Amino acid sequence: MGVAHFLTTSDGEHVANPSFLQAMADELAGAQRHLAMFPKRTKRRTKRRRAAARKVAKLYGKIRRQCADFHRKTARAYRRPRRDCARAAQYRGHDQRARTQG
């Protein structure tokens, strides 16, 4: 079950699902198992439990950043180019040709 393709364009081109979560699943599961062996409700958290919790949070952050990076790069690849950018640059005087002629 699940989504067969991450993206299907109007031309029928398919973009595969990202596989970073499957690649990080074993490492994340090991870190979560290590964190689970520490008692949760004690008066003082041990240094090793805090380190294990930090490692799990770090892995979650890495997966989140990889997901955002994939979405950003995929969207940028399929974005329509803006035609008014060059014209707007000329009006502002930022175009190289406009500076040399003027």
Protein backbone atom coordinates (compact mmCIF):
# COMPACT_ATOMS: atom_id res chain seq x y z
CA MET A 1 0.00 0.00 0.00
CA GLY A 2 0.96 3.62 -0.17
CA VAL A 3 1.74 6.06 -2.90
CA ALA A 4 3.19 4.45 -6.02
CA HIS A 5 4.97 7.59 -7.28
CA PHE A 6 5.93 10.82 -5.57
CA LEU A 7 4.99 12.93 -8.57
CA THR A 8 3.35 12.36 -11.94
CA THR A 9 3.57 15.23 -14.41
CA SER A 10 0.95 16.10 -17.00
CA ASP A 11 3.25 14.52 -19.61
CA GLY A 12 3.03 11.18 -17.80
CA GLU A 13 6.56 11.32 -16.37
CA HIS A 14 6.92 9.70 -12.94
CA VAL A 15 9.23 10.76 -10.11
CA ALA A 16 10.03 7.93 -7.71
CA ASN A 17 9.39 8.16 -3.99
CA PRO A 18 12.39 9.28 -1.95
CA SER A 19 14.16 6.46 -0.12
CA PHE A 20 15.91 8.38 2.66
CA LEU A 21 13.47 7.17 5.32
CA GLN A 22 14.04 3.51 4.43
CA ALA A 23 17.80 4.12 4.50
CA MET A 24 17.66 5.72 7.96
CA ALA A 25 15.05 3.34 9.43
CA ASP A 26 17.52 0.84 10.89
CA GLU A 27 19.66 3.50 12.52
CA LEU A 28 16.60 5.30 13.91
CA ALA A 29 15.10 2.05 15.24
CA GLY A 30 18.35 1.21 17.03
CA ALA A 31 18.54 4.65 18.61
CA GLN A 32 14.89 4.45 19.72
CA ARG A 33 15.45 0.99 21.24
CA HIS A 34 18.47 2.32 23.13
CA LEU A 35 16.42 5.26 24.43
CA ALA A 36 13.54 2.96 25.46
CA MET A 37 15.69 0.95 27.88
CA PHE A 38 16.13 3.97 30.18
CA PRO A 39 13.41 4.69 32.77
CA LYS A 40 11.16 7.56 31.70
CA ARG A 41 9.88 8.90 34.99
CA THR A 42 12.74 9.33 37.37
CA LYS A 43 13.62 12.30 39.48
CA ARG A 44 16.88 12.88 37.64
CA ARG A 45 17.55 11.99 34.04
CA THR A 46 20.84 10.26 33.54
CA LYS A 47 23.49 11.66 31.25
CA ARG A 48 23.31 8.58 29.02
CA ARG A 49 19.53 8.91 28.63
CA ARG A 50 19.86 12.57 27.63
CA ALA A 51 22.53 11.60 25.09
CA ALA A 52 20.29 8.86 23.67
CA ALA A 53 17.36 11.30 23.41
CA ARG A 54 19.64 13.82 21.70
CA LYS A 55 20.70 11.17 19.17
CA VAL A 56 17.08 10.30 18.34
CA ALA A 57 16.23 13.99 17.94
CA LYS A 58 19.28 14.46 15.72
CA LEU A 59 18.22 11.59 13.46
CA TYR A 60 14.66 12.93 13.21
CA GLY A 61 16.07 16.34 12.28
CA LYS A 62 18.26 14.80 9.60
CA ILE A 63 15.29 12.94 8.08
CA ARG A 64 13.20 16.13 8.18
CA ARG A 65 15.93 18.13 6.42
CA GLN A 66 16.38 15.42 3.78
CA CYS A 67 12.63 15.43 3.12
CA ALA A 68 12.52 19.22 2.80
CA ASP A 69 15.58 19.19 0.53
CA PHE A 70 14.00 16.58 -1.75
CA HIS A 71 10.74 18.52 -1.98
CA ARG A 72 12.53 21.80 -2.66
CA LYS A 73 14.78 20.33 -5.37
CA THR A 74 11.91 18.46 -7.05
CA ALA A 75 9.69 21.55 -7.07
CA ARG A 76 12.52 23.65 -8.46
CA ALA A 77 13.16 21.17 -11.27
CA TYR A 78 9.52 21.27 -12.40
CA ARG A 79 8.89 24.97 -11.87
CA ARG A 80 8.04 27.08 -14.91
CA PRO A 81 10.69 29.65 -15.74
CA ARG A 82 9.59 33.22 -15.13
CA ARG A 83 9.74 35.32 -18.25
CA ASP A 84 9.40 38.67 -16.54
CA CYS A 85 12.62 38.29 -14.50
CA ALA A 86 14.94 39.49 -17.28
CA ARG A 87 12.66 42.40 -18.10
CA ALA A 88 12.41 43.43 -14.46
CA ALA A 89 16.21 43.26 -14.12
CA GLN A 90 16.58 45.61 -17.08
CA TYR A 91 14.20 48.14 -15.56
CA ARG A 92 16.11 48.12 -12.29
CA GLY A 93 19.43 48.55 -14.09
CA HIS A 94 20.81 45.18 -12.97
CA ASP A 95 21.15 43.67 -16.42
CA GLN A 96 24.77 43.53 -17.66
CA ARG A 97 23.84 44.68 -21.14
CA ALA A 98 21.94 47.66 -19.83
CA ARG A 99 24.96 48.80 -17.80
CA THR A 100 27.43 48.60 -20.68
CA GLN A 101 25.16 50.44 -23.12
CA GLY A 102 24.02 53.13 -20.75
